[in-house]
């Protein structure tokens, strides 16, 4: 099951903190960055979906 928007947002925050704390291992930092970027793209898509839903609601008024 997909995680909620909020859970994924928090995961990105945690990944970014890990990257900051992991300055000695470039390979690991790149992997963490890739994971964060993939989650970011997913959240961006979620926001577009939410925006479309809000626009539908607003157009019904």
C-alpha atoms as a PDB file:
ATOM      1  CA  UNK A   1       0.000   0.000   0.000  1.00  0.00           C
ATOM      2  CA  UNK A   2       1.223   3.475  -0.814  1.00  0.00           C
ATOM      3  CA  UNK A   3       2.305   5.691   2.028  1.00  0.00           C
ATOM      4  CA  UNK A   4       0.449   8.917   2.647  1.00  0.00           C
ATOM      5  CA  UNK A   5       1.663  12.216   1.285  1.00  0.00           C
ATOM      6  CA  UNK A   6       2.745  13.249   4.761  1.00  0.00           C
ATOM      7  CA  UNK A   7       4.672  10.020   5.379  1.00  0.00           C
ATOM      8  CA  UNK A   8       6.528  10.374   2.081  1.00  0.00           C
ATOM      9  CA  UNK A   9       7.289  14.039   2.807  1.00  0.00           C
ATOM     10  CA  UNK A  10       8.746  13.072   6.181  1.00  0.00           C
ATOM     11  CA  UNK A  11      10.781  10.316   4.497  1.00  0.00           C
ATOM     12  CA  UNK A  12      12.305  12.909   2.146  1.00  0.00           C
ATOM     13  CA  UNK A  13      13.203  15.091   5.122  1.00  0.00           C
ATOM     14  CA  UNK A  14      14.859  12.101   6.807  1.00  0.00           C
ATOM     15  CA  UNK A  15      16.766  11.195   3.650  1.00  0.00           C
ATOM     16  CA  UNK A  16      18.071  14.751   3.312  1.00  0.00           C
ATOM     17  CA  UNK A  17      19.220  14.719   6.930  1.00  0.00           C
ATOM     18  CA  UNK A  18      20.983  11.413   6.291  1.00  0.00           C
ATOM     19  CA  UNK A  19      22.734  12.909   3.268  1.00  0.00           C
ATOM     20  CA  UNK A  20      23.914  15.846   5.378  1.00  0.00           C
ATOM     21  CA  UNK A  21      25.172  13.500   8.100  1.00  0.00           C
ATOM     22  CA  UNK A  22      26.839  11.138   5.617  1.00  0.00           C
ATOM     23  CA  UNK A  23      29.427  13.427   4.062  1.00  0.00           C
ATOM     24  CA  UNK A  24      32.172  10.790   4.051  1.00  0.00           C
ATOM     25  CA  UNK A  25      30.452   8.272   1.766  1.00  0.00           C
ATOM     26  CA  UNK A  26      29.633   9.738  -1.626  1.00  0.00           C
ATOM     27  CA  UNK A  27      28.168   6.513  -3.029  1.00  0.00           C
ATOM     28  CA  UNK A  28      25.667   6.256  -0.182  1.00  0.00           C
ATOM     29  CA  UNK A  29      24.812   9.949  -0.462  1.00  0.00           C
ATOM     30  CA  UNK A  30      24.066   9.573  -4.177  1.00  0.00           C
ATOM     31  CA  UNK A  31      21.796   6.577  -3.484  1.00  0.00           C
ATOM     32  CA  UNK A  32      19.965   8.512  -0.781  1.00  0.00           C
ATOM     33  CA  UNK A  33      19.610  11.501  -3.111  1.00  0.00           C
ATOM     34  CA  UNK A  34      18.179   9.264  -5.848  1.00  0.00           C
ATOM     35  CA  UNK A  35      15.616   7.841  -3.413  1.00  0.00           C
ATOM     36  CA  UNK A  36      14.663  11.330  -2.241  1.00  0.00           C
ATOM     37  CA  UNK A  37      14.312  12.560  -5.835  1.00  0.00           C
ATOM     38  CA  UNK A  38      12.036   9.629  -6.744  1.00  0.00           C
ATOM     39  CA  UNK A  39       9.829  10.362  -3.732  1.00  0.00           C
ATOM     40  CA  UNK A  40       9.810  14.057  -4.641  1.00  0.00           C
ATOM     41  CA  UNK A  41       8.537  13.240  -8.137  1.00  0.00           C
ATOM     42  CA  UNK A  42       5.821  11.060  -6.644  1.00  0.00           C
ATOM     43  CA  UNK A  43       4.766  13.840  -4.267  1.00  0.00           C
ATOM     44  CA  UNK A  44       4.763  16.318  -7.129  1.00  0.00           C
ATOM     45  CA  UNK A  45       2.324  14.041  -8.980  1.00  0.00           C
ATOM     46  CA  UNK A  46       0.191  13.746  -5.845  1.00  0.00           C
ATOM     47  CA  UNK A  47       0.025  17.533  -5.580  1.00  0.00           C
ATOM     48  CA  UNK A  48      -1.126  17.773  -9.191  1.00  0.00           C
ATOM     49  CA  UNK A  49      -3.882  15.253  -8.432  1.00  0.00           C
ATOM     50  CA  UNK A  50      -4.949  17.199  -5.348  1.00  0.00           C
ATOM     51  CA  UNK A  51      -4.913  20.449  -7.313  1.00  0.00           C
ATOM     52  CA  UNK A  52      -7.149  18.926  -9.989  1.00  0.00           C
ATOM     53  CA  UNK A  53      -9.593  17.690  -7.340  1.00  0.00           C
ATOM     54  CA  UNK A  54      -9.748  21.130  -5.728  1.00  0.00           C
ATOM     55  CA  UNK A  55     -10.369  22.752  -9.111  1.00  0.00           C
ATOM     56  CA  UNK A  56     -13.281  20.348  -9.711  1.00  0.00           C
ATOM     57  CA  UNK A  57     -14.733  21.180  -6.307  1.00  0.00           C
ATOM     58  CA  UNK A  58     -14.326  24.907  -6.933  1.00  0.00           C
ATOM     59  CA  UNK A  59     -15.930  24.690 -10.369  1.00  0.00           C
ATOM     60  CA  UNK A  60     -19.035  23.070  -8.875  1.00  0.00           C
ATOM     61  CA  UNK A  61     -19.765  26.117  -6.712  1.00  0.00           C
END
